[in-house]
Amino acid sequence: MSLTKKEYYVRDLVIDDEYGVIESTATVQDAAKKMKELGVPDLVVIEGEKILGVIADFDIIQNVVAKGSDSKIEKVISSMYTIESVSLDTSVTEAFTRMRDLQVNVVPVVENGKLIGVCTIQDCWSYIPDENVDEIGLIPVSNTRNAEFWFASVCSILAFVLGIILPLVGIYGFFSGNQVDLLSLFGTAEIRGGRVIFSLFEARGDDFIVSFINLININGGIWLVIIIFSLLILVFGILGLFAVIFASYSDIRNIQTGFVIRFIIPILVVVFLIIQWILFGIAFAIAVPSPPVIIDGLGLTLSIISMFLIIAAIYRDYIFRQKVTSEEVSS
């Protein structure tokens, strides 16, 4: 059993009706002035109501400026490219193919023989159907890419909030203990009783905050390493958030993104979070005397959820699959 691909047509595109036209008798200089005036890189060349072709700024550079020709004398018809116009019923794939084969960016769009606008190769690229319908995934949806975009966006935002923002502001920590049991760790005798949580950059009590920087001289360089990884978690957390959203949005627009953006940057957030938990464990294990601290249960739970959300966002392709309708099934 195979699925037929959904075909889009030029009428499905947002046709650019803010285009410029120029008569075939005009000079290249006239064309350049009109492009500047209209703020467009291309002009449709016409002869009366007949469409002859398109002249682009690149054509002027390549065919006139580079050859040292006089733009005041050269006619646009000598520098334009000819391309068969498309109609509203032309498939997007065909329109894209015409532009790709000529290595140009614009094709005129006509209706009943009259010019109504232009479409660009970028417009068409976003609507070219996949060669293979997405049949991998658990949840059937009508539009896998839109579903994956929203799923990845929500997962990455939740992961950023749960795994980074909450410990950053001290809502929960990695480890916790009692203030009176941590006097030697903090190097002070002025702390009263109460709960202490160790968050990303500091230890927070009921009425005090101790930066991890203050613990470096007292308890060794392990706390400097913890600070470094806290910074890495924060920086890569932000980068990972935008990387996941950008990569999933790029899938909608058929824009290629690299392995670093799609996988490396977001997965590093997971790696750094795991290492941070290990570093805290090492820091308390080597402290003398060993402080009586315990793992923050809420912190561990939300941190694990955050990591799973990031992994789910990365592997979003395996969550959704194309919904099969009766019209799309062919023998």
C-alpha atoms as a PDB file:
ATOM      1  CA  MET A   1       0.000   0.000   0.000  1.00  0.00           C
ATOM      2  CA  SER A   2       1.313   3.450  -0.849  1.00  0.00           C
ATOM      3  CA  LEU A   3       0.152   6.973  -0.161  1.00  0.00           C
ATOM      4  CA  THR A   4      -0.243   9.592  -2.845  1.00  0.00           C
ATOM      5  CA  LYS A   5       1.436  12.910  -2.202  1.00  0.00           C
ATOM      6  CA  LYS A   6      -0.712  16.005  -1.831  1.00  0.00           C
ATOM      7  CA  GLU A   7      -0.102  18.292  -4.771  1.00  0.00           C
ATOM      8  CA  TYR A   8      -0.167  22.062  -4.398  1.00  0.00           C
ATOM      9  CA  TYR A   9      -0.870  24.561  -7.140  1.00  0.00           C
ATOM     10  CA  VAL A  10       0.184  28.131  -7.790  1.00  0.00           C
ATOM     11  CA  ARG A  11      -3.229  29.298  -6.584  1.00  0.00           C
ATOM     12  CA  ASP A  12      -2.299  27.902  -3.146  1.00  0.00           C
ATOM     13  CA  LEU A  13       0.604  30.331  -2.928  1.00  0.00           C
ATOM     14  CA  VAL A  14       0.440  33.925  -1.813  1.00  0.00           C
ATOM     15  CA  ILE A  15       0.967  35.531  -5.207  1.00  0.00           C
ATOM     16  CA  ASP A  16       3.119  38.650  -5.090  1.00  0.00           C
ATOM     17  CA  ASP A  17       1.030  41.336  -6.751  1.00  0.00           C
ATOM     18  CA  GLU A  18       3.501  44.072  -5.820  1.00  0.00           C
ATOM     19  CA  TYR A  19       5.588  43.503  -8.910  1.00  0.00           C
ATOM     20  CA  GLY A  20       7.039  45.858 -11.478  1.00  0.00           C
ATOM     21  CA  VAL A  21       6.781  45.810 -15.257  1.00  0.00           C
ATOM     22  CA  ILE A  22       8.885  47.508 -17.873  1.00  0.00           C
ATOM     23  CA  GLU A  23       8.535  47.862 -21.621  1.00  0.00           C
ATOM     24  CA  SER A  24      10.933  45.933 -23.817  1.00  0.00           C
ATOM     25  CA  THR A  25      12.081  49.193 -25.421  1.00  0.00           C
ATOM     26  CA  ALA A  26      13.399  50.546 -22.105  1.00  0.00           C
ATOM     27  CA  THR A  27      17.107  50.647 -21.355  1.00  0.00           C
ATOM     28  CA  VAL A  28      18.877  48.684 -18.647  1.00  0.00           C
ATOM     29  CA  GLN A  29      19.459  51.943 -16.803  1.00  0.00           C
ATOM     30  CA  ASP A  30      15.707  52.575 -16.829  1.00  0.00           C
ATOM     31  CA  ALA A  31      15.190  49.101 -15.392  1.00  0.00           C
ATOM     32  CA  ALA A  32      17.740  49.687 -12.630  1.00  0.00           C
ATOM     33  CA  LYS A  33      16.097  52.984 -11.703  1.00  0.00           C
ATOM     34  CA  LYS A  34      12.667  51.369 -11.580  1.00  0.00           C
ATOM     35  CA  MET A  35      13.939  48.503  -9.417  1.00  0.00           C
ATOM     36  CA  LYS A  36      15.342  51.040  -6.972  1.00  0.00           C
ATOM     37  CA  GLU A  37      12.137  53.070  -7.044  1.00  0.00           C
ATOM     38  CA  LEU A  38       9.903  50.050  -6.385  1.00  0.00           C
ATOM     39  CA  GLY A  39      12.334  48.272  -4.087  1.00  0.00           C
ATOM     40  CA  VAL A  40      12.190  45.031  -6.101  1.00  0.00           C
ATOM     41  CA  PRO A  41      14.987  42.871  -7.567  1.00  0.00           C
ATOM     42  CA  ASP A  42      13.041  41.792 -10.676  1.00  0.00           C
ATOM     43  CA  LEU A  43      10.859  43.359 -13.366  1.00  0.00           C
ATOM     44  CA  VAL A  44       8.539  41.621 -15.808  1.00  0.00           C
ATOM     45  CA  VAL A  45       9.405  42.676 -19.366  1.00  0.00           C
ATOM     46  CA  ILE A  46       6.346  43.291 -21.545  1.00  0.00           C
ATOM     47  CA  GLU A  47       5.537  44.378 -25.061  1.00  0.00           C
ATOM     48  CA  GLY A  48       2.082  45.851 -24.916  1.00  0.00           C
ATOM     49  CA  GLU A  49       0.183  43.151 -23.010  1.00  0.00           C
ATOM     50  CA  LYS A  50       2.505  40.359 -24.099  1.00  0.00           C
ATOM     51  CA  ILE A  51       4.913  38.980 -21.510  1.00  0.00           C
ATOM     52  CA  LEU A  52       8.407  38.554 -22.940  1.00  0.00           C
ATOM     53  CA  GLY A  53      10.410  37.601 -19.872  1.00  0.00           C
ATOM     54  CA  VAL A  54      11.939  38.879 -16.644  1.00  0.00           C
ATOM     55  CA  ILE A  55      14.982  41.029 -15.951  1.00  0.00           C
ATOM     56  CA  ALA A  56      16.672  40.689 -12.576  1.00  0.00           C
ATOM     57  CA  ASP A  57      19.320  42.774 -10.864  1.00  0.00           C
ATOM     58  CA  PHE A  58      21.711  39.859 -11.289  1.00  0.00           C
ATOM     59  CA  ASP A  59      21.120  39.938 -15.058  1.00  0.00           C
ATOM     60  CA  ILE A  60      22.129  43.583 -15.122  1.00  0.00           C
ATOM     61  CA  ILE A  61      25.313  42.852 -13.208  1.00  0.00           C
ATOM     62  CA  GLN A  62      26.222  39.773 -15.241  1.00  0.00           C
ATOM     63  CA  ASN A  63      25.183  40.871 -18.737  1.00  0.00           C
ATOM     64  CA  VAL A  64      25.848  44.601 -18.637  1.00  0.00           C
ATOM     65  CA  VAL A  65      28.095  45.753 -15.803  1.00  0.00           C
ATOM     66  CA  ALA A  66      30.504  42.797 -15.943  1.00  0.00           C
ATOM     67  CA  LYS A  67      30.854  43.152 -19.723  1.00  0.00           C
ATOM     68  CA  GLY A  68      31.411  46.898 -19.557  1.00  0.00           C
ATOM     69  CA  SER A  69      28.352  47.642 -21.690  1.00  0.00           C
ATOM     70  CA  ASP A  70      26.631  51.009 -21.564  1.00  0.00           C
ATOM     71  CA  SER A  71      23.467  50.681 -19.467  1.00  0.00           C
ATOM     72  CA  LYS A  72      22.097  53.837 -21.092  1.00  0.00           C
ATOM     73  CA  ILE A  73      22.101  52.134 -24.485  1.00  0.00           C
ATOM     74  CA  GLU A  74      21.530  48.442 -23.741  1.00  0.00           C
ATOM     75  CA  LYS A  75      17.884  47.417 -23.928  1.00  0.00           C
ATOM     76  CA  VAL A  76      16.297  45.235 -21.268  1.00  0.00           C
ATOM     77  CA  ILE A  77      15.299  42.709 -23.919  1.00  0.00           C
ATOM     78  CA  SER A  78      18.986  41.905 -24.468  1.00  0.00           C
ATOM     79  CA  SER A  79      19.619  41.140 -20.786  1.00  0.00           C
ATOM     80  CA  MET A  80      16.377  39.533 -19.638  1.00  0.00           C
ATOM     81  CA  TYR A  81      15.705  35.822 -19.293  1.00  0.00           C
ATOM     82  CA  THR A  82      12.753  34.150 -20.961  1.00  0.00           C
ATOM     83  CA  ILE A  83      10.609  31.785 -18.944  1.00  0.00           C
ATOM     84  CA  GLU A  84       7.214  30.340 -19.708  1.00  0.00           C
ATOM     85  CA  SER A  85       4.570  31.955 -17.508  1.00  0.00           C
ATOM     86  CA  VAL A  86       2.530  29.837 -15.127  1.00  0.00           C
ATOM     87  CA  SER A  87      -1.186  29.904 -14.430  1.00  0.00           C
ATOM     88  CA  LEU A  88      -3.034  29.486 -11.164  1.00  0.00           C
ATOM     89  CA  ASP A  89      -3.605  25.835 -12.068  1.00  0.00           C
ATOM     90  CA  THR A  90       0.076  25.093 -12.660  1.00  0.00           C
ATOM     91  CA  SER A  91       1.487  22.758 -10.041  1.00  0.00           C
ATOM     92  CA  VAL A  92       3.963  24.223  -7.599  1.00  0.00           C
ATOM     93  CA  THR A  93       6.423  21.485  -8.511  1.00  0.00           C
ATOM     94  CA  GLU A  94       6.305  22.466 -12.183  1.00  0.00           C
ATOM     95  CA  ALA A  95       6.715  26.175 -11.405  1.00  0.00           C
ATOM     96  CA  PHE A  96       9.654  25.375  -9.152  1.00  0.00           C
ATOM     97  CA  THR A  97      11.230  23.161 -11.817  1.00  0.00           C
ATOM     98  CA  ARG A  98      11.037  25.921 -14.427  1.00  0.00           C
ATOM     99  CA  MET A  99      12.845  28.377 -12.184  1.00  0.00           C
ATOM    100  CA  ARG A 100      15.352  25.822 -10.951  1.00  0.00           C
ATOM    101  CA  ASP A 101      16.275  24.716 -14.474  1.00  0.00           C
ATOM    102  CA  LEU A 102      16.934  28.325 -15.519  1.00  0.00           C
ATOM    103  CA  GLN A 103      18.519  29.179 -12.146  1.00  0.00           C
ATOM    104  CA  VAL A 104      16.221  32.176 -11.700  1.00  0.00           C
ATOM    105  CA  ASN A 105      14.088  33.399  -8.817  1.00  0.00           C
ATOM    106  CA  VAL A 106      10.844  34.640 -10.389  1.00  0.00           C
ATOM    107  CA  VAL A 107       8.213  33.404 -12.831  1.00  0.00           C
ATOM    108  CA  PRO A 108       5.227  35.500 -14.041  1.00  0.00           C
ATOM    109  CA  VAL A 109       1.725  34.325 -13.104  1.00  0.00           C
ATOM    110  CA  VAL A 110      -1.088  34.860 -15.609  1.00  0.00           C
ATOM    111  CA  GLU A 111      -4.851  34.418 -15.496  1.00  0.00           C
ATOM    112  CA  ASN A 112      -6.900  34.501 -18.688  1.00  0.00           C
ATOM    113  CA  GLY A 113      -3.807  35.664 -20.521  1.00  0.00           C
ATOM    114  CA  LYS A 114      -3.244  38.660 -18.237  1.00  0.00           C
ATOM    115  CA  LEU A 115      -0.376  39.177 -15.814  1.00  0.00           C
ATOM    116  CA  ILE A 116      -1.619  39.059 -12.207  1.00  0.00           C
ATOM    117  CA  GLY A 117       1.633  38.745 -10.300  1.00  0.00           C
ATOM    118  CA  VAL A 118       4.781  36.727  -9.829  1.00  0.00           C
ATOM    119  CA  CYS A 119       5.795  33.818  -7.636  1.00  0.00           C
ATOM    120  CA  THR A 120       9.284  33.138  -6.374  1.00  0.00           C
ATOM    121  CA  ILE A 121      11.291  29.966  -6.129  1.00  0.00           C
ATOM    122  CA  GLN A 122      11.291  30.403  -2.343  1.00  0.00           C
ATOM    123  CA  ASP A 123       7.470  30.443  -2.319  1.00  0.00           C
ATOM    124  CA  CYS A 124       7.343  27.234  -4.327  1.00  0.00           C
ATOM    125  CA  TRP A 125       9.996  25.440  -2.292  1.00  0.00           C
ATOM    126  CA  SER A 126       7.863  25.643   0.832  1.00  0.00           C
ATOM    127  CA  TYR A 127       4.969  23.852  -0.885  1.00  0.00           C
ATOM    128  CA  ILE A 128       6.773  21.049  -2.669  1.00  0.00           C
ATOM    129  CA  PRO A 129       5.334  17.788  -1.284  1.00  0.00           C
ATOM    130  CA  ASP A 130       7.571  15.247   0.390  1.00  0.00           C
ATOM    131  CA  GLU A 131       8.811  12.398  -1.745  1.00  0.00           C
ATOM    132  CA  ASN A 132       7.877  10.001   1.031  1.00  0.00           C
ATOM    133  CA  VAL A 133       4.829  10.410   3.190  1.00  0.00           C
ATOM    134  CA  ASP A 134       5.669  10.233   6.885  1.00  0.00           C
ATOM    135  CA  GLU A 135       4.463   6.804   7.992  1.00  0.00           C
ATOM    136  CA  ILE A 136       6.705   6.642  11.077  1.00  0.00           C
ATOM    137  CA  GLY A 137       5.174   7.716  14.355  1.00  0.00           C
ATOM    138  CA  LEU A 138       2.621   6.891  17.007  1.00  0.00           C
ATOM    139  CA  ILE A 139      -0.026   9.576  16.592  1.00  0.00           C
ATOM    140  CA  PRO A 140      -1.769  10.016  13.219  1.00  0.00           C
ATOM    141  CA  VAL A 141      -2.226  13.666  12.186  1.00  0.00           C
ATOM    142  CA  SER A 142      -3.190  15.374   8.951  1.00  0.00           C
ATOM    143  CA  ASN A 143      -0.098  17.623   8.919  1.00  0.00           C
ATOM    144  CA  THR A 144       2.923  16.031  10.575  1.00  0.00           C
ATOM    145  CA  ARG A 145       5.229  19.017  10.198  1.00  0.00           C
ATOM    146  CA  ASN A 146       2.862  21.463  11.866  1.00  0.00           C
ATOM    147  CA  ALA A 147       2.190  18.970  14.644  1.00  0.00           C
ATOM    148  CA  GLU A 148       5.921  18.358  15.112  1.00  0.00           C
ATOM    149  CA  PHE A 149       6.603  22.104  15.203  1.00  0.00           C
ATOM    150  CA  TRP A 150       4.098  22.784  17.967  1.00  0.00           C
ATOM    151  CA  PHE A 151       5.061  19.639  19.861  1.00  0.00           C
ATOM    152  CA  ALA A 152       8.768  20.503  19.736  1.00  0.00           C
ATOM    153  CA  SER A 153       8.116  24.140  20.666  1.00  0.00           C
ATOM    154  CA  VAL A 154       5.988  23.259  23.694  1.00  0.00           C
ATOM    155  CA  CYS A 155       8.413  20.534  24.826  1.00  0.00           C
ATOM    156  CA  SER A 156      11.467  22.775  24.536  1.00  0.00           C
ATOM    157  CA  ILE A 157       9.805  25.678  26.358  1.00  0.00           C
ATOM    158  CA  LEU A 158       8.589  23.422  29.175  1.00  0.00           C
ATOM    159  CA  ALA A 159      12.015  21.794  29.410  1.00  0.00           C
ATOM    160  CA  PHE A 160      13.694  25.194  29.643  1.00  0.00           C
ATOM    161  CA  VAL A 161      11.335  26.350  32.385  1.00  0.00           C
ATOM    162  CA  LEU A 162      11.368  23.125  34.418  1.00  0.00           C
ATOM    163  CA  GLY A 163      15.030  22.248  34.024  1.00  0.00           C
ATOM    164  CA  ILE A 164      16.699  25.664  34.024  1.00  0.00           C
ATOM    165  CA  ILE A 165      14.485  28.590  35.038  1.00  0.00           C
ATOM    166  CA  LEU A 166      13.038  26.993  38.186  1.00  0.00           C
ATOM    167  CA  PRO A 167      16.419  25.977  39.681  1.00  0.00           C
ATOM    168  CA  LEU A 168      17.876  29.298  38.525  1.00  0.00           C
ATOM    169  CA  VAL A 169      15.401  31.293  40.623  1.00  0.00           C
ATOM    170  CA  GLY A 170      15.547  28.836  43.517  1.00  0.00           C
ATOM    171  CA  ILE A 171      12.119  27.193  43.245  1.00  0.00           C
ATOM    172  CA  TYR A 172      13.887  23.867  43.682  1.00  0.00           C
ATOM    173  CA  GLY A 173      17.481  22.683  43.836  1.00  0.00           C
ATOM    174  CA  PHE A 174      19.712  19.728  43.128  1.00  0.00           C
ATOM    175  CA  PHE A 175      20.444  18.871  46.767  1.00  0.00           C
ATOM    176  CA  SER A 176      19.100  20.150  50.065  1.00  0.00           C
ATOM    177  CA  GLY A 177      20.068  20.092  53.719  1.00  0.00           C
ATOM    178  CA  ASN A 178      19.656  21.825  57.071  1.00  0.00           C
ATOM    179  CA  GLN A 179      21.479  25.075  57.717  1.00  0.00           C
ATOM    180  CA  VAL A 180      22.832  24.005  61.100  1.00  0.00           C
ATOM    181  CA  ASP A 181      24.436  20.918  59.519  1.00  0.00           C
ATOM    182  CA  LEU A 182      26.246  22.941  56.838  1.00  0.00           C
ATOM    183  CA  LEU A 183      28.297  25.347  58.960  1.00  0.00           C
ATOM    184  CA  SER A 184      31.652  23.895  57.929  1.00  0.00           C
ATOM    185  CA  LEU A 185      30.648  23.793  54.263  1.00  0.00           C
ATOM    186  CA  PHE A 186      29.807  27.490  54.255  1.00  0.00           C
ATOM    187  CA  GLY A 187      32.620  28.435  56.635  1.00  0.00           C
ATOM    188  CA  THR A 188      30.382  30.391  58.978  1.00  0.00           C
ATOM    189  CA  ALA A 189      28.796  30.029  62.382  1.00  0.00           C
ATOM    190  CA  GLU A 190      26.077  32.640  61.851  1.00  0.00           C
ATOM    191  CA  ILE A 191      23.559  30.467  60.050  1.00  0.00           C
ATOM    192  CA  ARG A 192      20.354  29.657  61.837  1.00  0.00           C
ATOM    193  CA  GLY A 193      18.306  26.519  61.381  1.00  0.00           C
ATOM    194  CA  GLY A 194      16.219  25.973  58.284  1.00  0.00           C
ATOM    195  CA  ARG A 195      16.248  24.283  54.902  1.00  0.00           C
ATOM    196  CA  VAL A 196      18.969  25.011  52.342  1.00  0.00           C
ATOM    197  CA  ILE A 197      18.668  24.152  48.653  1.00  0.00           C
ATOM    198  CA  PHE A 198      21.576  24.101  46.218  1.00  0.00           C
ATOM    199  CA  SER A 199      20.364  25.627  42.950  1.00  0.00           C
ATOM    200  CA  LEU A 200      22.308  26.542  39.810  1.00  0.00           C
ATOM    201  CA  PHE A 201      24.586  29.276  41.130  1.00  0.00           C
ATOM    202  CA  GLU A 202      24.012  29.532  44.862  1.00  0.00           C
ATOM    203  CA  ALA A 203      22.794  27.912  48.030  1.00  0.00           C
ATOM    204  CA  ARG A 204      19.537  29.435  49.275  1.00  0.00           C
ATOM    205  CA  GLY A 205      18.234  29.396  52.831  1.00  0.00           C
ATOM    206  CA  ASP A 206      15.293  31.020  54.565  1.00  0.00           C
ATOM    207  CA  ASP A 207      17.146  34.270  55.146  1.00  0.00           C
ATOM    208  CA  PHE A 208      20.421  34.034  53.234  1.00  0.00           C
ATOM    209  CA  ILE A 209      22.021  33.291  49.869  1.00  0.00           C
ATOM    210  CA  VAL A 210      25.572  31.968  49.493  1.00  0.00           C
ATOM    211  CA  SER A 211      27.125  32.127  46.033  1.00  0.00           C
ATOM    212  CA  PHE A 212      29.081  29.081  44.933  1.00  0.00           C
ATOM    213  CA  ILE A 213      31.983  31.451  44.248  1.00  0.00           C
ATOM    214  CA  ASN A 214      32.374  31.808  48.020  1.00  0.00           C
ATOM    215  CA  LEU A 215      32.705  28.032  48.360  1.00  0.00           C
ATOM    216  CA  ILE A 216      35.698  27.701  46.016  1.00  0.00           C
ATOM    217  CA  ASN A 217      38.343  28.771  48.562  1.00  0.00           C
ATOM    218  CA  ILE A 218      36.715  26.784  51.361  1.00  0.00           C
ATOM    219  CA  ASN A 219      35.850  23.532  49.576  1.00  0.00           C
ATOM    220  CA  GLY A 220      38.040  23.385  46.490  1.00  0.00           C
ATOM    221  CA  GLY A 221      37.883  23.819  42.727  1.00  0.00           C
ATOM    222  CA  ILE A 222      34.974  21.412  42.287  1.00  0.00           C
ATOM    223  CA  TRP A 223      32.672  24.362  42.978  1.00  0.00           C
ATOM    224  CA  LEU A 224      34.318  26.328  40.165  1.00  0.00           C
ATOM    225  CA  VAL A 225      33.555  23.413  37.855  1.00  0.00           C
ATOM    226  CA  ILE A 226      29.949  23.450  39.093  1.00  0.00           C
ATOM    227  CA  ILE A 227      29.714  27.166  38.295  1.00  0.00           C
ATOM    228  CA  ILE A 228      31.118  26.560  34.807  1.00  0.00           C
ATOM    229  CA  PHE A 229      28.579  23.838  34.104  1.00  0.00           C
ATOM    230  CA  SER A 230      25.802  26.020  35.504  1.00  0.00           C
ATOM    231  CA  LEU A 231      26.773  28.644  32.929  1.00  0.00           C
ATOM    232  CA  LEU A 232      26.886  25.998  30.196  1.00  0.00           C
ATOM    233  CA  ILE A 233      23.422  24.773  31.180  1.00  0.00           C
ATOM    234  CA  LEU A 234      22.042  28.310  31.031  1.00  0.00           C
ATOM    235  CA  VAL A 235      23.719  29.248  27.731  1.00  0.00           C
ATOM    236  CA  PHE A 236      23.026  25.975  25.945  1.00  0.00           C
ATOM    237  CA  GLY A 237      19.540  25.900  27.424  1.00  0.00           C
ATOM    238  CA  ILE A 238      18.773  29.143  25.601  1.00  0.00           C
ATOM    239  CA  LEU A 239      20.553  27.980  22.439  1.00  0.00           C
ATOM    240  CA  GLY A 240      18.847  24.595  22.594  1.00  0.00           C
ATOM    241  CA  LEU A 241      15.430  26.198  22.968  1.00  0.00           C
ATOM    242  CA  PHE A 242      15.892  28.284  19.833  1.00  0.00           C
ATOM    243  CA  ALA A 243      17.640  25.441  17.976  1.00  0.00           C
ATOM    244  CA  VAL A 244      14.700  23.064  18.447  1.00  0.00           C
ATOM    245  CA  ILE A 245      12.113  25.685  17.474  1.00  0.00           C
ATOM    246  CA  PHE A 246      14.167  26.834  14.476  1.00  0.00           C
ATOM    247  CA  ALA A 247      14.791  23.287  13.249  1.00  0.00           C
ATOM    248  CA  SER A 248      11.133  22.288  13.530  1.00  0.00           C
ATOM    249  CA  TYR A 249      10.007  25.506  11.814  1.00  0.00           C
ATOM    250  CA  SER A 250      12.586  24.912   9.087  1.00  0.00           C
ATOM    251  CA  ASP A 251      10.989  21.521   8.459  1.00  0.00           C
ATOM    252  CA  ILE A 252       7.699  23.287   7.718  1.00  0.00           C
ATOM    253  CA  ARG A 253       9.433  25.592   5.240  1.00  0.00           C
ATOM    254  CA  ASN A 254      11.545  22.807   3.718  1.00  0.00           C
ATOM    255  CA  ILE A 255      14.730  24.542   4.838  1.00  0.00           C
ATOM    256  CA  GLN A 256      17.693  22.280   5.476  1.00  0.00           C
ATOM    257  CA  THR A 257      19.286  22.518   8.922  1.00  0.00           C
ATOM    258  CA  GLY A 258      22.502  20.891  10.053  1.00  0.00           C
ATOM    259  CA  PHE A 259      23.139  18.108  12.540  1.00  0.00           C
ATOM    260  CA  VAL A 260      24.572  20.594  15.044  1.00  0.00           C
ATOM    261  CA  ILE A 261      21.322  22.576  15.247  1.00  0.00           C
ATOM    262  CA  ARG A 262      19.004  19.588  15.055  1.00  0.00           C
ATOM    263  CA  PHE A 263      20.792  17.336  17.543  1.00  0.00           C
ATOM    264  CA  ILE A 264      24.101  18.447  19.068  1.00  0.00           C
ATOM    265  CA  ILE A 265      23.039  21.738  20.689  1.00  0.00           C
ATOM    266  CA  PRO A 266      19.828  20.472  22.342  1.00  0.00           C
ATOM    267  CA  ILE A 267      21.307  17.130  23.436  1.00  0.00           C
ATOM    268  CA  LEU A 268      24.189  18.972  25.122  1.00  0.00           C
ATOM    269  CA  VAL A 269      21.645  20.476  27.516  1.00  0.00           C
ATOM    270  CA  VAL A 270      20.733  16.952  28.630  1.00  0.00           C
ATOM    271  CA  VAL A 271      24.403  15.983  28.930  1.00  0.00           C
ATOM    272  CA  PHE A 272      25.262  19.071  30.977  1.00  0.00           C
ATOM    273  CA  LEU A 273      22.312  18.521  33.326  1.00  0.00           C
ATOM    274  CA  ILE A 274      23.413  14.935  33.979  1.00  0.00           C
ATOM    275  CA  ILE A 275      27.003  16.046  34.584  1.00  0.00           C
ATOM    276  CA  GLN A 276      25.779  18.780  36.953  1.00  0.00           C
ATOM    277  CA  TRP A 277      23.995  16.230  39.134  1.00  0.00           C
ATOM    278  CA  ILE A 278      27.155  14.123  39.211  1.00  0.00           C
ATOM    279  CA  LEU A 279      29.317  17.140  40.085  1.00  0.00           C
ATOM    280  CA  PHE A 280      27.126  18.033  43.054  1.00  0.00           C
ATOM    281  CA  GLY A 281      27.395  14.453  44.275  1.00  0.00           C
ATOM    282  CA  ILE A 282      31.196  14.571  43.965  1.00  0.00           C
ATOM    283  CA  ALA A 283      31.388  17.965  45.708  1.00  0.00           C
ATOM    284  CA  PHE A 284      29.510  16.713  48.759  1.00  0.00           C
ATOM    285  CA  ALA A 285      31.330  13.361  48.765  1.00  0.00           C
ATOM    286  CA  ILE A 286      34.796  14.953  48.935  1.00  0.00           C
ATOM    287  CA  ALA A 287      33.850  17.703  51.398  1.00  0.00           C
ATOM    288  CA  VAL A 288      35.434  17.374  54.840  1.00  0.00           C
ATOM    289  CA  PRO A 289      33.520  16.791  56.972  1.00  0.00           C
ATOM    290  CA  SER A 290      30.934  15.257  54.658  1.00  0.00           C
ATOM    291  CA  PRO A 291      27.751  17.368  54.880  1.00  0.00           C
ATOM    292  CA  PRO A 292      24.449  15.559  55.560  1.00  0.00           C
ATOM    293  CA  VAL A 293      22.603  16.545  52.379  1.00  0.00           C
ATOM    294  CA  ILE A 294      19.938  14.722  50.415  1.00  0.00           C
ATOM    295  CA  ILE A 295      18.810  14.801  46.811  1.00  0.00           C
ATOM    296  CA  ASP A 296      16.005  17.288  46.232  1.00  0.00           C
ATOM    297  CA  GLY A 297      13.205  14.925  45.165  1.00  0.00           C
ATOM    298  CA  LEU A 298      11.225  17.625  43.359  1.00  0.00           C
ATOM    299  CA  GLY A 299      14.366  18.863  41.662  1.00  0.00           C
ATOM    300  CA  LEU A 300      15.360  15.396  40.450  1.00  0.00           C
ATOM    301  CA  THR A 301      11.845  14.675  39.177  1.00  0.00           C
ATOM    302  CA  LEU A 302      11.511  17.930  37.243  1.00  0.00           C
ATOM    303  CA  SER A 303      15.063  17.653  35.938  1.00  0.00           C
ATOM    304  CA  ILE A 304      14.354  14.165  34.561  1.00  0.00           C
ATOM    305  CA  ILE A 305      11.095  15.393  33.022  1.00  0.00           C
ATOM    306  CA  SER A 306      13.000  18.275  31.448  1.00  0.00           C
ATOM    307  CA  MET A 307      15.547  15.915  29.913  1.00  0.00           C
ATOM    308  CA  PHE A 308      12.837  13.629  28.548  1.00  0.00           C
ATOM    309  CA  LEU A 309      11.055  16.640  27.027  1.00  0.00           C
ATOM    310  CA  ILE A 310      14.241  17.707  25.243  1.00  0.00           C
ATOM    311  CA  ILE A 311      14.803  14.194  23.903  1.00  0.00           C
ATOM    312  CA  ALA A 312      11.157  14.023  22.795  1.00  0.00           C
ATOM    313  CA  ALA A 313      11.550  17.340  20.969  1.00  0.00           C
ATOM    314  CA  ILE A 314      14.686  16.093  19.212  1.00  0.00           C
ATOM    315  CA  TYR A 315      13.042  12.844  18.118  1.00  0.00           C
ATOM    316  CA  ARG A 316       9.683  14.453  17.290  1.00  0.00           C
ATOM    317  CA  ASP A 317       9.632  12.595  13.943  1.00  0.00           C
ATOM    318  CA  TYR A 318       8.812   9.402  15.840  1.00  0.00           C
ATOM    319  CA  ILE A 319       5.826  10.927  17.640  1.00  0.00           C
ATOM    320  CA  PHE A 320       3.573  11.778  14.699  1.00  0.00           C
ATOM    321  CA  ARG A 321       2.765  10.078  11.424  1.00  0.00           C
ATOM    322  CA  GLN A 322       0.688  11.024   8.411  1.00  0.00           C
ATOM    323  CA  LYS A 323      -3.008  10.279   8.797  1.00  0.00           C
ATOM    324  CA  VAL A 324      -4.262   8.031   6.015  1.00  0.00           C
ATOM    325  CA  THR A 325      -7.544   9.022   4.379  1.00  0.00           C
ATOM    326  CA  SER A 326      -9.555   7.032   1.884  1.00  0.00           C
ATOM    327  CA  GLU A 327      -8.611   9.463  -0.888  1.00  0.00           C
ATOM    328  CA  GLU A 328      -4.910   9.037  -0.173  1.00  0.00           C
ATOM    329  CA  VAL A 329      -4.853   5.258  -0.324  1.00  0.00           C
ATOM    330  CA  SER A 330      -3.946   3.718  -3.663  1.00  0.00           C
ATOM    331  CA  SER A 331      -3.351   0.131  -4.503  1.00  0.00           C
END
